[in-house]
PDB file of N, CA and C in Angstrom:
ATOM      1  N   MET A   1       7.362  -2.535  14.096  1.00  0.00           N
ATOM      2  CA  MET A   1       7.801  -1.659  13.032  1.00  0.00           C
ATOM      3  C   MET A   1       8.539  -0.486  13.668  1.00  0.00           C
ATOM      4  N   ASP A   2       9.674  -0.145  13.087  1.00  0.00           N
ATOM      5  CA  ASP A   2      10.418   0.979  13.640  1.00  0.00           C
ATOM      6  C   ASP A   2      10.046   2.292  12.951  1.00  0.00           C
ATOM      7  N   HIS A   3      10.416   3.379  13.584  1.00  0.00           N
ATOM      8  CA  HIS A   3      10.063   4.707  13.084  1.00  0.00           C
ATOM      9  C   HIS A   3      10.630   4.983  11.694  1.00  0.00           C
ATOM     10  N   SER A   4      11.859   4.548  11.446  1.00  0.00           N
ATOM     11  CA  SER A   4      12.480   4.861  10.149  1.00  0.00           C
ATOM     12  C   SER A   4      11.733   4.181   9.001  1.00  0.00           C
ATOM     13  N   PHE A   5      11.256   2.955   9.233  1.00  0.00           N
ATOM     14  CA  PHE A   5      10.482   2.290   8.191  1.00  0.00           C
ATOM     15  C   PHE A   5       9.163   3.014   7.970  1.00  0.00           C
ATOM     16  N   ALA A   6       8.493   3.405   9.050  1.00  0.00           N
ATOM     17  CA  ALA A   6       7.229   4.131   8.933  1.00  0.00           C
ATOM     18  C   ALA A   6       7.432   5.444   8.188  1.00  0.00           C
ATOM     19  N   VAL A   7       8.503   6.143   8.483  1.00  0.00           N
ATOM     20  CA  VAL A   7       8.787   7.417   7.805  1.00  0.00           C
ATOM     21  C   VAL A   7       8.998   7.190   6.317  1.00  0.00           C
ATOM     22  N   ARG A   8       9.730   6.141   5.935  1.00  0.00           N
ATOM     23  CA  ARG A   8       9.924   5.833   4.511  1.00  0.00           C
ATOM     24  C   ARG A   8       8.595   5.563   3.824  1.00  0.00           C
ATOM     25  N   CYS A   9       7.728   4.812   4.502  1.00  0.00           N
ATOM     26  CA  CYS A   9       6.413   4.502   3.928  1.00  0.00           C
ATOM     27  C   CYS A   9       5.598   5.774   3.737  1.00  0.00           C
ATOM     28  N   PHE A  10       5.537   6.595   4.768  1.00  0.00           N
ATOM     29  CA  PHE A  10       4.732   7.811   4.677  1.00  0.00           C
ATOM     30  C   PHE A  10       5.315   8.786   3.668  1.00  0.00           C
ATOM     31  N   SER A  11       6.613   8.815   3.547  1.00  0.00           N
ATOM     32  CA  SER A  11       7.240   9.666   2.539  1.00  0.00           C
ATOM     33  C   SER A  11       6.829   9.218   1.139  1.00  0.00           C
ATOM     34  N   ALA A  12       6.854   7.910   0.894  1.00  0.00           N
ATOM     35  CA  ALA A  12       6.451   7.383  -0.415  1.00  0.00           C
ATOM     36  C   ALA A  12       4.985   7.677  -0.689  1.00  0.00           C
ATOM     37  N   LEU A  13       4.151   7.624   0.346  1.00  0.00           N
ATOM     38  CA  LEU A  13       2.716   7.849   0.175  1.00  0.00           C
ATOM     39  C   LEU A  13       2.347   9.326   0.196  1.00  0.00           C
ATOM     40  N   GLY A  14       3.342  10.193   0.386  1.00  0.00           N
ATOM     41  CA  GLY A  14       3.092  11.628   0.432  1.00  0.00           C
ATOM     42  C   GLY A  14       2.751  12.232  -0.914  1.00  0.00           C
ATOM     43  N   HIS A  15       2.906  11.483  -1.980  1.00  0.00           N
ATOM     44  CA  HIS A  15       2.542  11.951  -3.319  1.00  0.00           C
ATOM     45  C   HIS A  15       1.165  11.384  -3.655  1.00  0.00           C
ATOM     46  N   PRO A  16       0.229  12.237  -4.071  1.00  0.00           N
ATOM     47  CA  PRO A  16      -1.142  11.755  -4.322  1.00  0.00           C
ATOM     48  C   PRO A  16      -1.228  10.601  -5.312  1.00  0.00           C
ATOM     49  N   ARG A  17      -0.428  10.613  -6.362  1.00  0.00           N
ATOM     50  CA  ARG A  17      -0.493   9.541  -7.358  1.00  0.00           C
ATOM     51  C   ARG A  17      -0.036   8.223  -6.763  1.00  0.00           C
ATOM     52  N   ARG A  18       1.025   8.245  -5.953  1.00  0.00           N
ATOM     53  CA  ARG A  18       1.504   6.989  -5.354  1.00  0.00           C
ATOM     54  C   ARG A  18       0.484   6.421  -4.385  1.00  0.00           C
ATOM     55  N   LEU A  19      -0.198   7.276  -3.662  1.00  0.00           N
ATOM     56  CA  LEU A  19      -1.258   6.805  -2.772  1.00  0.00           C
ATOM     57  C   LEU A  19      -2.372   6.151  -3.589  1.00  0.00           C
ATOM     58  N   GLU A  20      -2.745   6.756  -4.704  1.00  0.00           N
ATOM     59  CA  GLU A  20      -3.774   6.183  -5.580  1.00  0.00           C
ATOM     60  C   GLU A  20      -3.318   4.848  -6.162  1.00  0.00           C
ATOM     61  N   VAL A  21      -2.062   4.773  -6.551  1.00  0.00           N
ATOM     62  CA  VAL A  21      -1.522   3.529  -7.118  1.00  0.00           C
ATOM     63  C   VAL A  21      -1.568   2.418  -6.072  1.00  0.00           C
ATOM     64  N   LEU A  22      -1.154   2.725  -4.852  1.00  0.00           N
ATOM     65  CA  LEU A  22      -1.183   1.705  -3.805  1.00  0.00           C
ATOM     66  C   LEU A  22      -2.611   1.231  -3.561  1.00  0.00           C
ATOM     67  N   ARG A  23      -3.545   2.140  -3.518  1.00  0.00           N
ATOM     68  CA  ARG A  23      -4.942   1.749  -3.293  1.00  0.00           C
ATOM     69  C   ARG A  23      -5.460   0.889  -4.450  1.00  0.00           C
ATOM     70  N   LEU A  24      -5.056   1.208  -5.672  1.00  0.00           N
ATOM     71  CA  LEU A  24      -5.437   0.388  -6.830  1.00  0.00           C
ATOM     72  C   LEU A  24      -4.875  -1.023  -6.686  1.00  0.00           C
ATOM     73  N   LEU A  25      -3.610  -1.118  -6.309  1.00  0.00           N
ATOM     74  CA  LEU A  25      -2.989  -2.430  -6.155  1.00  0.00           C
ATOM     75  C   LEU A  25      -3.633  -3.223  -5.023  1.00  0.00           C
ATOM     76  N   ILE A  26      -4.022  -2.552  -3.962  1.00  0.00           N
ATOM     77  CA  ILE A  26      -4.705  -3.237  -2.858  1.00  0.00           C
ATOM     78  C   ILE A  26      -6.022  -3.832  -3.348  1.00  0.00           C
ATOM     79  N   ARG A  27      -6.732  -3.093  -4.195  1.00  0.00           N
ATOM     80  CA  ARG A  27      -8.006  -3.605  -4.726  1.00  0.00           C
ATOM     81  C   ARG A  27      -7.796  -4.831  -5.607  1.00  0.00           C
ATOM     82  N   HIS A  28      -6.604  -4.984  -6.172  1.00  0.00           N
ATOM     83  CA  HIS A  28      -6.321  -6.112  -7.063  1.00  0.00           C
ATOM     84  C   HIS A  28      -5.447  -7.185  -6.412  1.00  0.00           C
ATOM     85  N   ALA A  29      -5.325  -7.119  -5.098  1.00  0.00           N
ATOM     86  CA  ALA A  29      -4.561  -8.145  -4.385  1.00  0.00           C
ATOM     87  C   ALA A  29      -5.397  -9.417  -4.318  1.00  0.00           C
ATOM     88  N   PRO A  30      -4.829 -10.570  -4.307  1.00  0.00           N
ATOM     89  CA  PRO A  30      -3.404 -10.831  -4.254  1.00  0.00           C
ATOM     90  C   PRO A  30      -2.746 -10.969  -5.627  1.00  0.00           C
ATOM     91  N   GLY A  31      -3.531 -10.993  -6.697  1.00  0.00           N
ATOM     92  CA  GLY A  31      -2.960 -11.233  -8.019  1.00  0.00           C
ATOM     93  C   GLY A  31      -2.100 -10.119  -8.571  1.00  0.00           C
ATOM     94  N   GLY A  32      -2.393  -8.893  -8.180  1.00  0.00           N
ATOM     95  CA  GLY A  32      -1.618  -7.754  -8.648  1.00  0.00           C
ATOM     96  C   GLY A  32      -2.022  -7.300 -10.034  1.00  0.00           C
ATOM     97  N   LEU A  33      -1.292  -6.328 -10.527  1.00  0.00           N
ATOM     98  CA  LEU A  33      -1.538  -5.764 -11.854  1.00  0.00           C
ATOM     99  C   LEU A  33      -0.234  -5.629 -12.610  1.00  0.00           C
ATOM    100  N   LYS A  34      -0.349  -5.734 -13.936  1.00  0.00           N
ATOM    101  CA  LYS A  34       0.810  -5.496 -14.787  1.00  0.00           C
ATOM    102  C   LYS A  34       1.150  -4.009 -14.748  1.00  0.00           C
ATOM    103  N   ALA A  35       2.433  -3.708 -14.864  1.00  0.00           N
ATOM    104  CA  ALA A  35       2.886  -2.316 -14.834  1.00  0.00           C
ATOM    105  C   ALA A  35       2.160  -1.480 -15.877  1.00  0.00           C
ATOM    106  N   GLY A  36       1.979  -2.018 -17.059  1.00  0.00           N
ATOM    107  CA  GLY A  36       1.295  -1.291 -18.122  1.00  0.00           C
ATOM    108  C   GLY A  36      -0.150  -0.997 -17.793  1.00  0.00           C
ATOM    109  N   ASP A  37      -0.805  -1.918 -17.099  1.00  0.00           N
ATOM    110  CA  ASP A  37      -2.191  -1.709 -16.699  1.00  0.00           C
ATOM    111  C   ASP A  37      -2.302  -0.618 -15.641  1.00  0.00           C
ATOM    112  N   VAL A  38      -1.313  -0.547 -14.757  1.00  0.00           N
ATOM    113  CA  VAL A  38      -1.311   0.513 -13.747  1.00  0.00           C
ATOM    114  C   VAL A  38      -1.154   1.868 -14.441  1.00  0.00           C
ATOM    115  N   ALA A  39      -0.211   1.957 -15.367  1.00  0.00           N
ATOM    116  CA  ALA A  39       0.005   3.215 -16.095  1.00  0.00           C
ATOM    117  C   ALA A  39      -1.239   3.605 -16.873  1.00  0.00           C
ATOM    118  N   GLN A  40      -1.864   2.641 -17.506  1.00  0.00           N
ATOM    119  CA  GLN A  40      -3.064   2.911 -18.294  1.00  0.00           C
ATOM    120  C   GLN A  40      -4.225   3.365 -17.411  1.00  0.00           C
ATOM    121  N   ALA A  41      -4.342   2.805 -16.222  1.00  0.00           N
ATOM    122  CA  ALA A  41      -5.430   3.173 -15.313  1.00  0.00           C
ATOM    123  C   ALA A  41      -5.384   4.650 -14.956  1.00  0.00           C
ATOM    124  N   PHE A  42      -4.190   5.228 -14.954  1.00  0.00           N
ATOM    125  CA  PHE A  42      -4.034   6.633 -14.592  1.00  0.00           C
ATOM    126  C   PHE A  42      -3.667   7.510 -15.794  1.00  0.00           C
ATOM    127  N   GLU A  43      -3.706   6.892 -16.975  1.00  0.00           N
ATOM    128  CA  GLU A  43      -3.364   7.613 -18.208  1.00  0.00           C
ATOM    129  C   GLU A  43      -2.029   8.349 -18.060  1.00  0.00           C
ATOM    130  N   GLN A  44      -1.042   7.610 -17.558  1.00  0.00           N
ATOM    131  CA  GLN A  44       0.300   8.142 -17.340  1.00  0.00           C
ATOM    132  C   GLN A  44       1.282   7.430 -18.257  1.00  0.00           C
ATOM    133  N   PRO A  45       2.312   8.123 -18.701  1.00  0.00           N
ATOM    134  CA  PRO A  45       3.358   7.437 -19.466  1.00  0.00           C
ATOM    135  C   PRO A  45       4.011   6.350 -18.603  1.00  0.00           C
ATOM    136  N   ALA A  46       4.436   5.296 -19.252  1.00  0.00           N
ATOM    137  CA  ALA A  46       5.055   4.180 -18.527  1.00  0.00           C
ATOM    138  C   ALA A  46       6.266   4.648 -17.722  1.00  0.00           C
ATOM    139  N   SER A  47       7.045   5.593 -18.247  1.00  0.00           N
ATOM    140  CA  SER A  47       8.242   6.048 -17.533  1.00  0.00           C
ATOM    141  C   SER A  47       7.881   6.769 -16.236  1.00  0.00           C
ATOM    142  N   THR A  48       6.824   7.560 -16.264  1.00  0.00           N
ATOM    143  CA  THR A  48       6.378   8.255 -15.055  1.00  0.00           C
ATOM    144  C   THR A  48       5.868   7.255 -14.026  1.00  0.00           C
ATOM    145  N   MET A  49       5.060   6.311 -14.476  1.00  0.00           N
ATOM    146  CA  MET A  49       4.513   5.324 -13.550  1.00  0.00           C
ATOM    147  C   MET A  49       5.615   4.431 -13.009  1.00  0.00           C
ATOM    148  N   SER A  50       6.595   4.130 -13.821  1.00  0.00           N
ATOM    149  CA  SER A  50       7.712   3.316 -13.372  1.00  0.00           C
ATOM    150  C   SER A  50       8.407   3.967 -12.180  1.00  0.00           C
ATOM    151  N   SER A  51       8.548   5.269 -12.219  1.00  0.00           N
ATOM    152  CA  SER A  51       9.169   5.991 -11.111  1.00  0.00           C
ATOM    153  C   SER A  51       8.333   5.872  -9.845  1.00  0.00           C
ATOM    154  N   HIS A  52       7.024   6.038  -9.965  1.00  0.00           N
ATOM    155  CA  HIS A  52       6.145   5.908  -8.802  1.00  0.00           C
ATOM    156  C   HIS A  52       6.204   4.487  -8.236  1.00  0.00           C
ATOM    157  N   LEU A  53       6.174   3.483  -9.094  1.00  0.00           N
ATOM    158  CA  LEU A  53       6.219   2.094  -8.651  1.00  0.00           C
ATOM    159  C   LEU A  53       7.548   1.780  -7.967  1.00  0.00           C
ATOM    160  N   ARG A  54       8.630   2.328  -8.489  1.00  0.00           N
ATOM    161  CA  ARG A  54       9.942   2.103  -7.884  1.00  0.00           C
ATOM    162  C   ARG A  54      10.006   2.696  -6.483  1.00  0.00           C
ATOM    163  N   ILE A  55       9.451   3.887  -6.310  1.00  0.00           N
ATOM    164  CA  ILE A  55       9.469   4.532  -4.992  1.00  0.00           C
ATOM    165  C   ILE A  55       8.643   3.721  -3.994  1.00  0.00           C
ATOM    166  N   LEU A  56       7.491   3.234  -4.419  1.00  0.00           N
ATOM    167  CA  LEU A  56       6.675   2.399  -3.536  1.00  0.00           C
ATOM    168  C   LEU A  56       7.396   1.098  -3.196  1.00  0.00           C
ATOM    169  N   ALA A  57       8.080   0.519  -4.174  1.00  0.00           N
ATOM    170  CA  ALA A  57       8.827  -0.723  -3.935  1.00  0.00           C
ATOM    171  C   ALA A  57      10.010  -0.472  -3.007  1.00  0.00           C
ATOM    172  N   ASP A  58      10.722   0.627  -3.218  1.00  0.00           N
ATOM    173  CA  ASP A  58      11.860   0.951  -2.353  1.00  0.00           C
ATOM    174  C   ASP A  58      11.425   1.165  -0.906  1.00  0.00           C
ATOM    175  N   ALA A  59      10.193   1.650  -0.727  1.00  0.00           N
ATOM    176  CA  ALA A  59       9.666   1.849   0.624  1.00  0.00           C
ATOM    177  C   ALA A  59       9.184   0.541   1.239  1.00  0.00           C
ATOM    178  N   GLY A  60       9.118  -0.518   0.439  1.00  0.00           N
ATOM    179  CA  GLY A  60       8.681  -1.809   0.947  1.00  0.00           C
ATOM    180  C   GLY A  60       7.177  -2.003   0.957  1.00  0.00           C
ATOM    181  N   LEU A  61       6.452  -1.131   0.274  1.00  0.00           N
ATOM    182  CA  LEU A  61       4.989  -1.219   0.271  1.00  0.00           C
ATOM    183  C   LEU A  61       4.451  -2.145  -0.808  1.00  0.00           C
ATOM    184  N   ILE A  62       5.205  -2.325  -1.870  1.00  0.00           N
ATOM    185  CA  ILE A  62       4.796  -3.210  -2.959  1.00  0.00           C
ATOM    186  C   ILE A  62       5.981  -4.054  -3.379  1.00  0.00           C
ATOM    187  N   SER A  63       5.684  -5.108  -4.106  1.00  0.00           N
ATOM    188  CA  SER A  63       6.748  -5.937  -4.676  1.00  0.00           C
ATOM    189  C   SER A  63       6.387  -6.242  -6.122  1.00  0.00           C
ATOM    190  N   SER A  64       7.377  -6.694  -6.856  1.00  0.00           N
ATOM    191  CA  SER A  64       7.151  -7.006  -8.268  1.00  0.00           C
ATOM    192  C   SER A  64       7.597  -8.427  -8.553  1.00  0.00           C
ATOM    193  N   GLU A  65       6.973  -8.987  -9.579  1.00  0.00           N
ATOM    194  CA  GLU A  65       7.320 -10.338 -10.014  1.00  0.00           C
ATOM    195  C   GLU A  65       7.196 -10.386 -11.528  1.00  0.00           C
ATOM    196  N   ARG A  66       8.233 -10.884 -12.152  1.00  0.00           N
ATOM    197  CA  ARG A  66       8.213 -11.031 -13.606  1.00  0.00           C
ATOM    198  C   ARG A  66       7.503 -12.327 -13.955  1.00  0.00           C
ATOM    199  N   LYS A  67       6.534 -12.210 -14.861  1.00  0.00           N
ATOM    200  CA  LYS A  67       5.832 -13.378 -15.395  1.00  0.00           C
ATOM    201  C   LYS A  67       5.925 -13.278 -16.903  1.00  0.00           C
ATOM    202  N   GLY A  68       6.843 -14.047 -17.460  1.00  0.00           N
ATOM    203  CA  GLY A  68       7.090 -13.946 -18.893  1.00  0.00           C
ATOM    204  C   GLY A  68       7.690 -12.584 -19.213  1.00  0.00           C
ATOM    205  N   ARG A  69       7.020 -11.855 -20.091  1.00  0.00           N
ATOM    206  CA  ARG A  69       7.514 -10.534 -20.486  1.00  0.00           C
ATOM    207  C   ARG A  69       6.910  -9.410 -19.653  1.00  0.00           C
ATOM    208  N   GLU A  70       6.009  -9.759 -18.772  1.00  0.00           N
ATOM    209  CA  GLU A  70       5.290  -8.750 -17.982  1.00  0.00           C
ATOM    210  C   GLU A  70       5.810  -8.701 -16.547  1.00  0.00           C
ATOM    211  N   ILE A  71       5.715  -7.527 -15.946  1.00  0.00           N
ATOM    212  CA  ILE A  71       6.040  -7.360 -14.536  1.00  0.00           C
ATOM    213  C   ILE A  71       4.745  -7.033 -13.803  1.00  0.00           C
ATOM    214  N   TYR A  72       4.430  -7.844 -12.800  1.00  0.00           N
ATOM    215  CA  TYR A  72       3.232  -7.647 -11.996  1.00  0.00           C
ATOM    216  C   TYR A  72       3.626  -7.022 -10.658  1.00  0.00           C
ATOM    217  N   PHE A  73       2.828  -6.077 -10.210  1.00  0.00           N
ATOM    218  CA  PHE A  73       3.057  -5.425  -8.933  1.00  0.00           C
ATOM    219  C   PHE A  73       1.934  -5.790  -7.980  1.00  0.00           C
ATOM    220  N   THR A  74       2.326  -6.105  -6.738  1.00  0.00           N
ATOM    221  CA  THR A  74       1.354  -6.460  -5.708  1.00  0.00           C
ATOM    222  C   THR A  74       1.703  -5.708  -4.421  1.00  0.00           C
ATOM    223  N   PRO A  75       0.690  -5.386  -3.631  1.00  0.00           N
ATOM    224  CA  PRO A  75       0.975  -4.738  -2.350  1.00  0.00           C
ATOM    225  C   PRO A  75       1.507  -5.764  -1.355  1.00  0.00           C
ATOM    226  N   ASP A  76       2.353  -5.311  -0.463  1.00  0.00           N
ATOM    227  CA  ASP A  76       2.837  -6.170   0.613  1.00  0.00           C
ATOM    228  C   ASP A  76       1.855  -6.012   1.771  1.00  0.00           C
ATOM    229  N   ILE A  77       0.873  -6.880   1.823  1.00  0.00           N
ATOM    230  CA  ILE A  77      -0.217  -6.774   2.790  1.00  0.00           C
ATOM    231  C   ILE A  77       0.305  -6.844   4.221  1.00  0.00           C
ATOM    232  N   ASP A  78       1.300  -7.672   4.484  1.00  0.00           N
ATOM    233  CA  ASP A  78       1.840  -7.762   5.841  1.00  0.00           C
ATOM    234  C   ASP A  78       2.472  -6.444   6.275  1.00  0.00           C
ATOM    235  N   ARG A  79       3.191  -5.808   5.370  1.00  0.00           N
ATOM    236  CA  ARG A  79       3.797  -4.515   5.713  1.00  0.00           C
ATOM    237  C   ARG A  79       2.733  -3.438   5.900  1.00  0.00           C
ATOM    238  N   LEU A  80       1.709  -3.468   5.060  1.00  0.00           N
ATOM    239  CA  LEU A  80       0.628  -2.495   5.204  1.00  0.00           C
ATOM    240  C   LEU A  80      -0.098  -2.695   6.532  1.00  0.00           C
ATOM    241  N   ARG A  81      -0.308  -3.946   6.903  1.00  0.00           N
ATOM    242  CA  ARG A  81      -0.917  -4.246   8.197  1.00  0.00           C
ATOM    243  C   ARG A  81      -0.046  -3.687   9.320  1.00  0.00           C
ATOM    244  N   GLY A  82       1.246  -3.884   9.204  1.00  0.00           N
ATOM    245  CA  GLY A  82       2.177  -3.359  10.203  1.00  0.00           C
ATOM    246  C   GLY A  82       2.139  -1.844  10.288  1.00  0.00           C
ATOM    247  N   LEU A  83       1.980  -1.192   9.145  1.00  0.00           N
ATOM    248  CA  LEU A  83       1.915   0.268   9.124  1.00  0.00           C
ATOM    249  C   LEU A  83       0.643   0.760   9.815  1.00  0.00           C
ATOM    250  N   VAL A  84      -0.472   0.106   9.545  1.00  0.00           N
ATOM    251  CA  VAL A  84      -1.734   0.478  10.200  1.00  0.00           C
ATOM    252  C   VAL A  84      -1.622   0.235  11.701  1.00  0.00           C
ATOM    253  N   LEU A  85      -1.074  -0.892  12.091  1.00  0.00           N
ATOM    254  CA  LEU A  85      -0.926  -1.191  13.519  1.00  0.00           C
ATOM    255  C   LEU A  85       0.021  -0.206  14.193  1.00  0.00           C
ATOM    256  N   PHE A  86       1.050   0.222  13.484  1.00  0.00           N
ATOM    257  CA  PHE A  86       1.963   1.232  14.006  1.00  0.00           C
ATOM    258  C   PHE A  86       1.203   2.516  14.321  1.00  0.00           C
ATOM    259  N   LEU A  87       0.277   2.891  13.442  1.00  0.00           N
ATOM    260  CA  LEU A  87      -0.480   4.122  13.634  1.00  0.00           C
ATOM    261  C   LEU A  87      -1.425   4.048  14.826  1.00  0.00           C
ATOM    262  N   VAL A  88      -2.026   2.898  15.033  1.00  0.00           N
ATOM    263  CA  VAL A  88      -3.060   2.798  16.066  1.00  0.00           C
ATOM    264  C   VAL A  88      -2.579   2.100  17.336  1.00  0.00           C
ATOM    265  N   ALA A  89      -1.309   1.798  17.427  1.00  0.00           N
ATOM    266  CA  ALA A  89      -0.793   1.029  18.561  1.00  0.00           C
ATOM    267  C   ALA A  89      -1.126   1.667  19.908  1.00  0.00           C
ATOM    268  N   ASP A  90      -1.124   2.963  19.983  1.00  0.00           N
ATOM    269  CA  ASP A  90      -1.363   3.646  21.255  1.00  0.00           C
ATOM    270  C   ASP A  90      -2.677   4.422  21.254  1.00  0.00           C
ATOM    271  N   CYS A  91      -3.596   4.018  20.383  1.00  0.00           N
ATOM    272  CA  CYS A  91      -4.808   4.825  20.172  1.00  0.00           C
ATOM    273  C   CYS A  91      -5.731   4.882  21.377  1.00  0.00           C
ATOM    274  N   CYS A  92      -5.801   3.836  22.132  1.00  0.00           N
ATOM    275  CA  CYS A  92      -6.837   3.812  23.172  1.00  0.00           C
ATOM    276  C   CYS A  92      -6.277   3.943  24.576  1.00  0.00           C
ATOM    277  N   GLY A  93      -4.984   4.010  24.717  1.00  0.00           N
ATOM    278  CA  GLY A  93      -4.399   4.150  26.043  1.00  0.00           C
ATOM    279  C   GLY A  93      -4.827   3.058  27.006  1.00  0.00           C
ATOM    280  N   GLY A  94      -5.032   1.845  26.475  1.00  0.00           N
ATOM    281  CA  GLY A  94      -5.420   0.724  27.318  1.00  0.00           C
ATOM    282  C   GLY A  94      -6.922   0.593  27.525  1.00  0.00           C
ATOM    283  N   ARG A  95      -7.698   1.464  26.898  1.00  0.00           N
ATOM    284  CA  ARG A  95      -9.161   1.406  27.034  1.00  0.00           C
ATOM    285  C   ARG A  95      -9.738   0.894  25.719  1.00  0.00           C
ATOM    286  N   ALA A  96      -9.953  -0.408  25.660  1.00  0.00           N
ATOM    287  CA  ALA A  96     -10.365  -1.089  24.429  1.00  0.00           C
ATOM    288  C   ALA A  96     -11.654  -0.526  23.845  1.00  0.00           C
ATOM    289  N   GLU A  97     -12.554  -0.041  24.679  1.00  0.00           N
ATOM    290  CA  GLU A  97     -13.826   0.476  24.156  1.00  0.00           C
ATOM    291  C   GLU A  97     -13.620   1.665  23.215  1.00  0.00           C
ATOM    292  N   GLN A  98     -12.505   2.356  23.355  1.00  0.00           N
ATOM    293  CA  GLN A  98     -12.237   3.476  22.455  1.00  0.00           C
ATOM    294  C   GLN A  98     -11.840   3.001  21.059  1.00  0.00           C
ATOM    295  N   CYS A  99     -11.337   1.786  20.954  1.00  0.00           N
ATOM    296  CA  CYS A  99     -10.938   1.239  19.652  1.00  0.00           C
ATOM    297  C   CYS A  99     -12.091   0.543  18.930  1.00  0.00           C
ATOM    298  N   GLU A 100     -13.168   0.269  19.627  1.00  0.00           N
ATOM    299  CA  GLU A 100     -14.275  -0.463  19.020  1.00  0.00           C
ATOM    300  C   GLU A 100     -14.800   0.183  17.736  1.00  0.00           C
ATOM    301  N   PRO A 101     -14.977   1.523  17.673  1.00  0.00           N
ATOM    302  CA  PRO A 101     -15.452   2.120  16.411  1.00  0.00           C
ATOM    303  C   PRO A 101     -14.485   1.881  15.248  1.00  0.00           C
ATOM    304  N   LEU A 102     -13.196   1.966  15.519  1.00  0.00           N
ATOM    305  CA  LEU A 102     -12.197   1.718  14.473  1.00  0.00           C
ATOM    306  C   LEU A 102     -12.283   0.280  13.986  1.00  0.00           C
ATOM    307  N   LEU A 103     -12.345  -0.656  14.904  1.00  0.00           N
ATOM    308  CA  LEU A 103     -12.442  -2.066  14.530  1.00  0.00           C
ATOM    309  C   LEU A 103     -13.724  -2.352  13.765  1.00  0.00           C
ATOM    310  N   ALA A 104     -14.813  -1.723  14.169  1.00  0.00           N
ATOM    311  CA  ALA A 104     -16.089  -1.925  13.477  1.00  0.00           C
ATOM    312  C   ALA A 104     -16.010  -1.458  12.027  1.00  0.00           C
ATOM    313  N   GLU A 105     -15.249  -0.405  11.769  1.00  0.00           N
ATOM    314  CA  GLU A 105     -15.099   0.078  10.394  1.00  0.00           C
ATOM    315  C   GLU A 105     -14.173  -0.810   9.577  1.00  0.00           C
ATOM    316  N   LEU A 106     -13.191  -1.420  10.211  1.00  0.00           N
ATOM    317  CA  LEU A 106     -12.240  -2.274   9.492  1.00  0.00           C
ATOM    318  C   LEU A 106     -12.820  -3.642   9.151  1.00  0.00           C
ATOM    319  N   LEU A 107     -13.609  -4.201  10.004  1.00  0.00           N
ATOM    320  CA  LEU A 107     -14.104  -5.568   9.812  1.00  0.00           C
ATOM    321  C   LEU A 107     -14.915  -5.765   8.538  1.00  0.00           C
ATOM    322  N   PRO A 108     -15.816  -4.856   8.142  1.00  0.00           N
ATOM    323  CA  PRO A 108     -16.617  -5.107   6.938  1.00  0.00           C
ATOM    324  C   PRO A 108     -15.791  -5.196   5.648  1.00  0.00           C
ATOM    325  N   CYS A 109     -14.572  -4.697   5.646  1.00  0.00           N
ATOM    326  CA  CYS A 109     -13.785  -4.752   4.409  1.00  0.00           C
ATOM    327  C   CYS A 109     -13.317  -6.167   4.092  1.00  0.00           C
ATOM    328  N   CYS A 110     -13.363  -7.045   5.048  1.00  0.00           N
ATOM    329  CA  CYS A 110     -12.851  -8.405   4.871  1.00  0.00           C
ATOM    330  C   CYS A 110     -13.927  -9.418   5.223  1.00  0.00           C
ATOM    331  N   PRO A 111     -14.863  -9.657   4.308  1.00  0.00           N
ATOM    332  CA  PRO A 111     -15.959 -10.583   4.609  1.00  0.00           C
ATOM    333  C   PRO A 111     -15.472 -12.001   4.844  1.00  0.00           C
TER     334      PRO A 111
END
């Protein structure tokens, strides 16, 4: 992952609502959520939520798919994985034992 992509991602996530939306979509992966359901979850007008979803999509963090009359949004798990790996790539300076606590916290999320 290059720096410019990481900066775009972090810029999109710099707004508290967009960070919450991404976390909501991650909880509903891989099926995703309808745009209206996302707006309803945060009691936001559809136009406001549409803007947040567009910014996340432009950053490459989520994607959309039309199913009939509905648009479903899903997180791009591969890109999110890349973003996390970008953050921790140099965390231990070659000393794996320093990364063990981080790995121990990540493993329980994926039974």
